[in-house]
């Protein structure tokens, strides 16, 4: 089993920044990629960014590329999402997710089996 706990959400003005954290515990040695997804109000969950735990390979959705950066601290078993130049459209519940498969998910939520509870990000205009 793998447990994921998100933190760092909050209210921020447009143009501001937040850093989200995802603490990974349990069978961390079995984790390959970790990703951030988000679910805006009234909409489907969507992919934001992904990182491979061992190599640090990253992949981003077009909507966040150039503004968001995903990183990991292996010593702390934590994955971060640095969100800059935030826009009201970034308002969502942000979830982190982990896969124990070595197959690269390329943002496909069906490949992720472990999910956190989410953290709310609200961007005011």
N, C-alpha and C. Protein backbone atom coordinates (compact mmCIF):
# COMPACT_ATOMS: atom_id res chain seq x y z
N UNK A 1 0.84 -1.19 0.00
CA UNK A 1 0.00 0.00 0.00
C UNK A 1 0.87 1.24 0.00
N UNK A 2 0.36 2.25 -0.64
CA UNK A 2 1.04 3.55 -0.70
C UNK A 2 0.05 4.61 -0.23
N UNK A 3 0.49 5.49 0.64
CA UNK A 3 -0.37 6.57 1.12
C UNK A 3 0.18 7.89 0.61
N UNK A 4 -0.75 8.77 0.24
CA UNK A 4 -0.39 10.09 -0.29
C UNK A 4 -1.15 11.16 0.48
N UNK A 5 -0.45 12.19 0.92
CA UNK A 5 -1.09 13.29 1.64
C UNK A 5 -0.63 14.60 1.02
N UNK A 6 -1.59 15.37 0.52
CA UNK A 6 -1.29 16.66 -0.10
C UNK A 6 -1.37 17.78 0.94
N UNK A 7 -0.61 18.84 0.68
CA UNK A 7 -0.66 20.04 1.52
C UNK A 7 -0.23 21.22 0.68
N UNK A 8 -0.47 22.42 1.20
CA UNK A 8 0.02 23.62 0.54
C UNK A 8 -1.01 24.41 -0.23
N UNK A 9 -2.24 23.92 -0.31
CA UNK A 9 -3.27 24.66 -1.02
C UNK A 9 -3.67 25.91 -0.25
N UNK A 10 -4.48 26.74 -0.90
CA UNK A 10 -4.95 27.95 -0.24
C UNK A 10 -5.54 28.93 -1.22
N UNK A 11 -5.73 30.15 -0.74
CA UNK A 11 -6.29 31.23 -1.55
C UNK A 11 -5.15 32.15 -1.98
N UNK A 12 -5.09 32.46 -3.25
CA UNK A 12 -4.04 33.32 -3.77
C UNK A 12 -4.63 34.23 -4.86
N UNK A 13 -4.07 35.39 -5.02
CA UNK A 13 -4.52 36.30 -6.07
C UNK A 13 -3.93 35.89 -7.42
N UNK A 14 -4.61 36.26 -8.48
CA UNK A 14 -4.12 35.99 -9.83
C UNK A 14 -2.71 36.57 -9.99
N UNK A 15 -1.85 35.78 -10.60
CA UNK A 15 -0.45 36.17 -10.75
C UNK A 15 0.45 35.67 -9.65
N UNK A 16 -0.16 35.16 -8.59
CA UNK A 16 0.61 34.67 -7.46
C UNK A 16 1.09 33.25 -7.64
N UNK A 17 1.73 32.72 -6.58
CA UNK A 17 2.32 31.38 -6.62
C UNK A 17 1.94 30.59 -5.39
N UNK A 18 1.98 29.28 -5.54
CA UNK A 18 1.81 28.35 -4.43
C UNK A 18 2.73 27.17 -4.68
N UNK A 19 3.15 26.53 -3.60
CA UNK A 19 3.88 25.28 -3.73
C UNK A 19 3.11 24.19 -3.01
N UNK A 20 2.66 23.22 -3.77
CA UNK A 20 1.95 22.08 -3.21
C UNK A 20 2.94 20.97 -2.92
N UNK A 21 2.65 20.20 -1.88
CA UNK A 21 3.51 19.08 -1.52
C UNK A 21 2.68 17.81 -1.42
N UNK A 22 3.27 16.70 -1.81
CA UNK A 22 2.63 15.39 -1.71
C UNK A 22 3.59 14.47 -0.97
N UNK A 23 3.23 14.13 0.25
CA UNK A 23 4.05 13.23 1.06
C UNK A 23 3.67 11.79 0.73
N UNK A 24 4.66 11.01 0.34
CA UNK A 24 4.43 9.62 -0.05
C UNK A 24 4.96 8.70 1.05
N UNK A 25 4.13 7.76 1.50
CA UNK A 25 4.56 6.83 2.55
C UNK A 25 4.07 5.43 2.21
N UNK A 26 4.52 4.48 3.01
CA UNK A 26 4.16 3.09 2.75
C UNK A 26 5.22 2.43 1.89
N UNK A 27 4.79 1.68 0.90
CA UNK A 27 5.71 0.94 0.04
C UNK A 27 6.29 1.86 -1.03
N UNK A 28 7.07 2.82 -0.61
CA UNK A 28 7.58 3.82 -1.54
C UNK A 28 8.53 3.22 -2.57
N UNK A 29 9.17 2.11 -2.22
CA UNK A 29 10.10 1.49 -3.16
C UNK A 29 9.38 0.95 -4.39
N UNK A 30 8.06 0.78 -4.29
CA UNK A 30 7.30 0.24 -5.41
C UNK A 30 6.73 1.33 -6.32
N UNK A 31 6.98 2.59 -5.95
CA UNK A 31 6.40 3.71 -6.70
C UNK A 31 7.27 4.05 -7.90
N UNK A 32 6.67 4.22 -9.05
CA UNK A 32 7.38 4.66 -10.24
C UNK A 32 7.05 6.12 -10.52
N UNK A 33 5.96 6.44 -11.20
CA UNK A 33 5.65 7.84 -11.40
C UNK A 33 4.68 8.36 -10.33
N UNK A 34 4.78 9.64 -10.08
CA UNK A 34 3.82 10.36 -9.24
C UNK A 34 3.33 11.55 -10.07
N UNK A 35 2.07 11.83 -9.96
CA UNK A 35 1.49 12.90 -10.78
C UNK A 35 0.61 13.80 -9.94
N UNK A 36 0.38 14.98 -10.49
CA UNK A 36 -0.62 15.90 -9.96
C UNK A 36 -1.76 15.98 -10.98
N UNK A 37 -2.97 15.80 -10.48
CA UNK A 37 -4.18 16.03 -11.23
C UNK A 37 -4.95 17.15 -10.54
N UNK A 38 -5.92 17.69 -11.23
CA UNK A 38 -6.77 18.71 -10.62
C UNK A 38 -8.19 18.58 -11.11
N UNK A 39 -9.13 18.99 -10.27
CA UNK A 39 -10.53 18.95 -10.64
C UNK A 39 -11.16 20.31 -10.40
N UNK A 40 -11.36 21.09 -11.45
CA UNK A 40 -12.01 22.39 -11.30
C UNK A 40 -13.49 22.20 -10.91
N UNK A 41 -14.12 23.22 -10.35
CA UNK A 41 -15.53 23.09 -9.95
C UNK A 41 -16.41 22.70 -11.12
N UNK A 42 -17.20 21.66 -10.95
CA UNK A 42 -18.15 21.25 -11.97
C UNK A 42 -17.55 20.59 -13.20
N UNK A 43 -16.27 20.26 -13.13
CA UNK A 43 -15.61 19.66 -14.29
C UNK A 43 -14.94 18.35 -13.94
N UNK A 44 -14.50 17.64 -14.97
CA UNK A 44 -13.83 16.36 -14.78
C UNK A 44 -12.41 16.58 -14.26
N UNK A 45 -11.90 15.54 -13.62
CA UNK A 45 -10.51 15.58 -13.17
C UNK A 45 -9.60 15.61 -14.39
N UNK A 46 -8.54 16.42 -14.34
CA UNK A 46 -7.64 16.55 -15.47
C UNK A 46 -6.19 16.46 -15.02
N UNK A 47 -5.36 16.01 -15.92
CA UNK A 47 -3.93 15.83 -15.64
C UNK A 47 -3.23 17.18 -15.64
N UNK A 48 -2.24 17.33 -14.74
CA UNK A 48 -1.45 18.56 -14.70
C UNK A 48 0.04 18.27 -14.96
N UNK A 49 0.64 17.39 -14.16
CA UNK A 49 2.08 17.13 -14.30
C UNK A 49 2.42 15.77 -13.73
N UNK A 50 3.52 15.22 -14.21
CA UNK A 50 3.93 13.86 -13.83
C UNK A 50 5.45 13.82 -13.71
N UNK A 51 5.95 13.02 -12.77
CA UNK A 51 7.40 12.86 -12.61
C UNK A 51 7.70 11.40 -12.29
N UNK A 52 8.74 10.89 -12.90
CA UNK A 52 9.19 9.54 -12.60
C UNK A 52 10.06 9.58 -11.35
N UNK A 53 9.73 8.72 -10.40
CA UNK A 53 10.36 8.80 -9.09
C UNK A 53 11.87 8.61 -9.17
N UNK A 54 12.34 7.67 -9.97
CA UNK A 54 13.77 7.34 -9.98
C UNK A 54 14.58 8.26 -10.88
N UNK A 55 14.05 8.58 -12.07
CA UNK A 55 14.86 9.34 -13.04
C UNK A 55 14.57 10.84 -13.04
N UNK A 56 13.44 11.23 -12.50
CA UNK A 56 13.08 12.64 -12.53
C UNK A 56 12.50 13.11 -13.86
N UNK A 57 12.20 12.17 -14.76
CA UNK A 57 11.57 12.55 -16.03
C UNK A 57 10.25 13.25 -15.74
N UNK A 58 9.99 14.36 -16.42
CA UNK A 58 8.76 15.12 -16.19
C UNK A 58 7.92 15.20 -17.46
N UNK A 59 6.65 15.45 -17.25
CA UNK A 59 5.69 15.58 -18.35
C UNK A 59 4.58 16.51 -17.87
N UNK A 60 4.16 17.43 -18.73
CA UNK A 60 3.18 18.44 -18.34
C UNK A 60 2.01 18.51 -19.31
N UNK A 61 0.87 18.88 -18.76
CA UNK A 61 -0.25 19.24 -19.62
C UNK A 61 0.04 20.59 -20.26
N UNK A 62 -0.51 20.80 -21.46
CA UNK A 62 -0.28 22.06 -22.15
C UNK A 62 -0.76 23.25 -21.32
N UNK A 63 -1.81 23.04 -20.55
CA UNK A 63 -2.42 24.15 -19.79
C UNK A 63 -1.51 24.68 -18.69
N UNK A 64 -0.53 23.90 -18.26
CA UNK A 64 0.33 24.35 -17.15
C UNK A 64 1.80 24.44 -17.54
N UNK A 65 2.15 23.92 -18.71
CA UNK A 65 3.56 23.92 -19.12
C UNK A 65 4.09 25.35 -19.17
N UNK A 66 5.26 25.54 -18.57
CA UNK A 66 5.86 26.87 -18.52
C UNK A 66 5.47 27.68 -17.29
N UNK A 67 4.41 27.27 -16.60
CA UNK A 67 3.99 27.97 -15.37
C UNK A 67 4.17 27.10 -14.14
N UNK A 68 3.98 25.81 -14.29
CA UNK A 68 4.08 24.88 -13.16
C UNK A 68 5.35 24.06 -13.31
N UNK A 69 5.91 23.63 -12.18
CA UNK A 69 7.09 22.76 -12.20
C UNK A 69 6.93 21.67 -11.15
N UNK A 70 7.08 20.43 -11.58
CA UNK A 70 6.99 19.30 -10.66
C UNK A 70 8.40 18.85 -10.32
N UNK A 71 8.61 18.50 -9.08
CA UNK A 71 9.93 18.02 -8.64
C UNK A 71 9.73 17.02 -7.52
N UNK A 72 10.82 16.32 -7.18
CA UNK A 72 10.71 15.37 -6.07
C UNK A 72 11.95 15.42 -5.21
N UNK A 73 11.76 15.13 -3.93
CA UNK A 73 12.85 15.03 -2.97
C UNK A 73 12.82 13.59 -2.46
N UNK A 74 13.71 12.77 -3.01
CA UNK A 74 13.68 11.35 -2.67
C UNK A 74 13.96 11.12 -1.18
N UNK A 75 14.80 11.95 -0.61
CA UNK A 75 15.14 11.76 0.80
C UNK A 75 13.93 11.99 1.70
N UNK A 76 13.05 12.90 1.28
CA UNK A 76 11.87 13.23 2.08
C UNK A 76 10.63 12.50 1.57
N UNK A 77 10.78 11.70 0.51
CA UNK A 77 9.63 11.00 -0.09
C UNK A 77 8.49 11.98 -0.38
N UNK A 78 8.84 13.10 -0.98
CA UNK A 78 7.86 14.14 -1.23
C UNK A 78 7.98 14.63 -2.67
N UNK A 79 6.83 14.85 -3.28
CA UNK A 79 6.75 15.42 -4.62
C UNK A 79 6.12 16.80 -4.50
N UNK A 80 6.69 17.76 -5.20
CA UNK A 80 6.20 19.13 -5.13
C UNK A 80 5.62 19.57 -6.47
N UNK A 81 4.72 20.52 -6.39
CA UNK A 81 4.22 21.20 -7.59
C UNK A 81 4.32 22.70 -7.31
N UNK A 82 5.28 23.33 -7.96
CA UNK A 82 5.42 24.78 -7.87
C UNK A 82 4.52 25.40 -8.94
N UNK A 83 3.51 26.11 -8.50
CA UNK A 83 2.54 26.70 -9.40
C UNK A 83 2.73 28.21 -9.42
N UNK A 84 3.18 28.75 -10.55
CA UNK A 84 3.44 30.17 -10.70
C UNK A 84 2.45 30.80 -11.68
N UNK A 85 2.40 32.11 -11.68
CA UNK A 85 1.52 32.85 -12.59
C UNK A 85 0.11 32.26 -12.58
N UNK A 86 -0.40 32.06 -11.40
CA UNK A 86 -1.71 31.42 -11.27
C UNK A 86 -2.82 32.29 -11.84
N UNK A 87 -3.80 31.62 -12.42
CA UNK A 87 -4.94 32.26 -13.05
C UNK A 87 -6.21 31.74 -12.38
N UNK A 88 -7.30 32.49 -12.44
CA UNK A 88 -8.56 31.98 -11.87
C UNK A 88 -8.94 30.60 -12.41
N UNK A 89 -8.55 30.33 -13.67
CA UNK A 89 -8.86 29.03 -14.28
C UNK A 89 -8.10 27.88 -13.62
N UNK A 90 -7.10 28.19 -12.81
CA UNK A 90 -6.36 27.15 -12.09
C UNK A 90 -7.07 26.73 -10.80
N UNK A 91 -8.15 27.42 -10.46
CA UNK A 91 -8.90 27.05 -9.27
C UNK A 91 -9.41 25.62 -9.39
N UNK A 92 -9.08 24.81 -8.40
CA UNK A 92 -9.43 23.38 -8.46
C UNK A 92 -9.01 22.71 -7.16
N UNK A 93 -9.49 21.49 -6.98
CA UNK A 93 -8.90 20.61 -5.97
C UNK A 93 -7.76 19.87 -6.64
N UNK A 94 -6.59 19.94 -6.05
CA UNK A 94 -5.41 19.31 -6.62
C UNK A 94 -5.13 18.00 -5.87
N UNK A 95 -4.96 16.94 -6.65
CA UNK A 95 -4.72 15.61 -6.12
C UNK A 95 -3.36 15.11 -6.58
N UNK A 96 -2.67 14.39 -5.72
CA UNK A 96 -1.51 13.66 -6.21
C UNK A 96 -1.87 12.19 -6.31
N UNK A 97 -1.18 11.50 -7.21
CA UNK A 97 -1.47 10.10 -7.49
C UNK A 97 -0.17 9.38 -7.77
N UNK A 98 -0.14 8.09 -7.46
CA UNK A 98 1.06 7.29 -7.65
C UNK A 98 0.72 5.99 -8.37
N UNK A 99 1.69 5.56 -9.16
CA UNK A 99 1.56 4.29 -9.86
C UNK A 99 2.70 3.37 -9.45
N UNK A 100 2.41 2.09 -9.38
CA UNK A 100 3.45 1.10 -9.08
C UNK A 100 3.84 0.31 -10.32
N UNK A 101 3.46 0.80 -11.47
CA UNK A 101 3.83 0.16 -12.72
C UNK A 101 4.96 0.93 -13.39
N UNK A 102 5.94 0.23 -13.98
CA UNK A 102 7.02 0.94 -14.68
C UNK A 102 6.59 1.50 -16.03
N UNK A 103 5.40 1.17 -16.48
CA UNK A 103 4.91 1.71 -17.76
C UNK A 103 4.63 3.19 -17.59
N UNK A 104 5.16 4.01 -18.47
CA UNK A 104 4.98 5.46 -18.37
C UNK A 104 3.51 5.80 -18.62
N UNK A 105 2.87 6.48 -17.68
CA UNK A 105 1.44 6.76 -17.83
C UNK A 105 1.11 7.86 -18.83
N UNK A 106 2.05 8.80 -19.02
CA UNK A 106 1.80 9.95 -19.88
C UNK A 106 0.48 10.62 -19.52
N UNK A 107 0.25 10.76 -18.21
CA UNK A 107 -0.90 11.51 -17.75
C UNK A 107 -2.22 10.77 -17.77
N UNK A 108 -2.23 9.50 -18.06
CA UNK A 108 -3.47 8.73 -18.10
C UNK A 108 -3.90 8.39 -16.68
N UNK A 109 -5.01 8.92 -16.20
CA UNK A 109 -5.42 8.67 -14.81
C UNK A 109 -5.70 7.19 -14.53
N UNK A 110 -6.05 6.43 -15.55
CA UNK A 110 -6.36 5.01 -15.35
C UNK A 110 -5.13 4.22 -14.91
N UNK A 111 -3.93 4.77 -15.15
CA UNK A 111 -2.70 4.06 -14.77
C UNK A 111 -2.32 4.34 -13.32
N UNK A 112 -3.02 5.23 -12.67
CA UNK A 112 -2.68 5.58 -11.29
C UNK A 112 -3.65 4.89 -10.34
N UNK A 113 -3.09 4.18 -9.35
CA UNK A 113 -3.93 3.38 -8.46
C UNK A 113 -4.04 3.96 -7.06
N UNK A 114 -3.11 4.83 -6.69
CA UNK A 114 -3.15 5.43 -5.35
C UNK A 114 -3.38 6.93 -5.49
N UNK A 115 -4.30 7.44 -4.69
CA UNK A 115 -4.69 8.84 -4.76
C UNK A 115 -4.74 9.44 -3.36
N UNK A 116 -4.38 10.72 -3.29
CA UNK A 116 -4.55 11.45 -2.05
C UNK A 116 -5.95 12.02 -1.94
N UNK A 117 -6.20 12.75 -0.85
CA UNK A 117 -7.53 13.31 -0.60
C UNK A 117 -7.72 14.66 -1.28
N UNK A 118 -6.65 15.29 -1.67
CA UNK A 118 -6.76 16.55 -2.39
C UNK A 118 -6.53 17.76 -1.50
N UNK A 119 -6.12 18.85 -2.13
CA UNK A 119 -5.96 20.13 -1.46
C UNK A 119 -6.54 21.23 -2.35
N UNK A 120 -7.30 22.12 -1.75
CA UNK A 120 -8.01 23.14 -2.52
C UNK A 120 -7.08 24.31 -2.87
N UNK A 121 -7.10 24.69 -4.13
CA UNK A 121 -6.41 25.90 -4.59
C UNK A 121 -7.46 26.83 -5.17
N UNK A 122 -7.53 28.03 -4.65
CA UNK A 122 -8.47 29.02 -5.14
C UNK A 122 -7.69 30.27 -5.57
N UNK A 123 -7.89 30.67 -6.83
CA UNK A 123 -7.21 31.85 -7.37
C UNK A 123 -8.24 32.93 -7.62
N UNK A 124 -8.09 34.05 -6.95
CA UNK A 124 -9.04 35.15 -7.10
C UNK A 124 -8.55 36.11 -8.17
N UNK A 125 -9.51 36.73 -8.87
CA UNK A 125 -9.16 37.67 -9.95
C UNK A 125 -9.01 39.09 -9.42
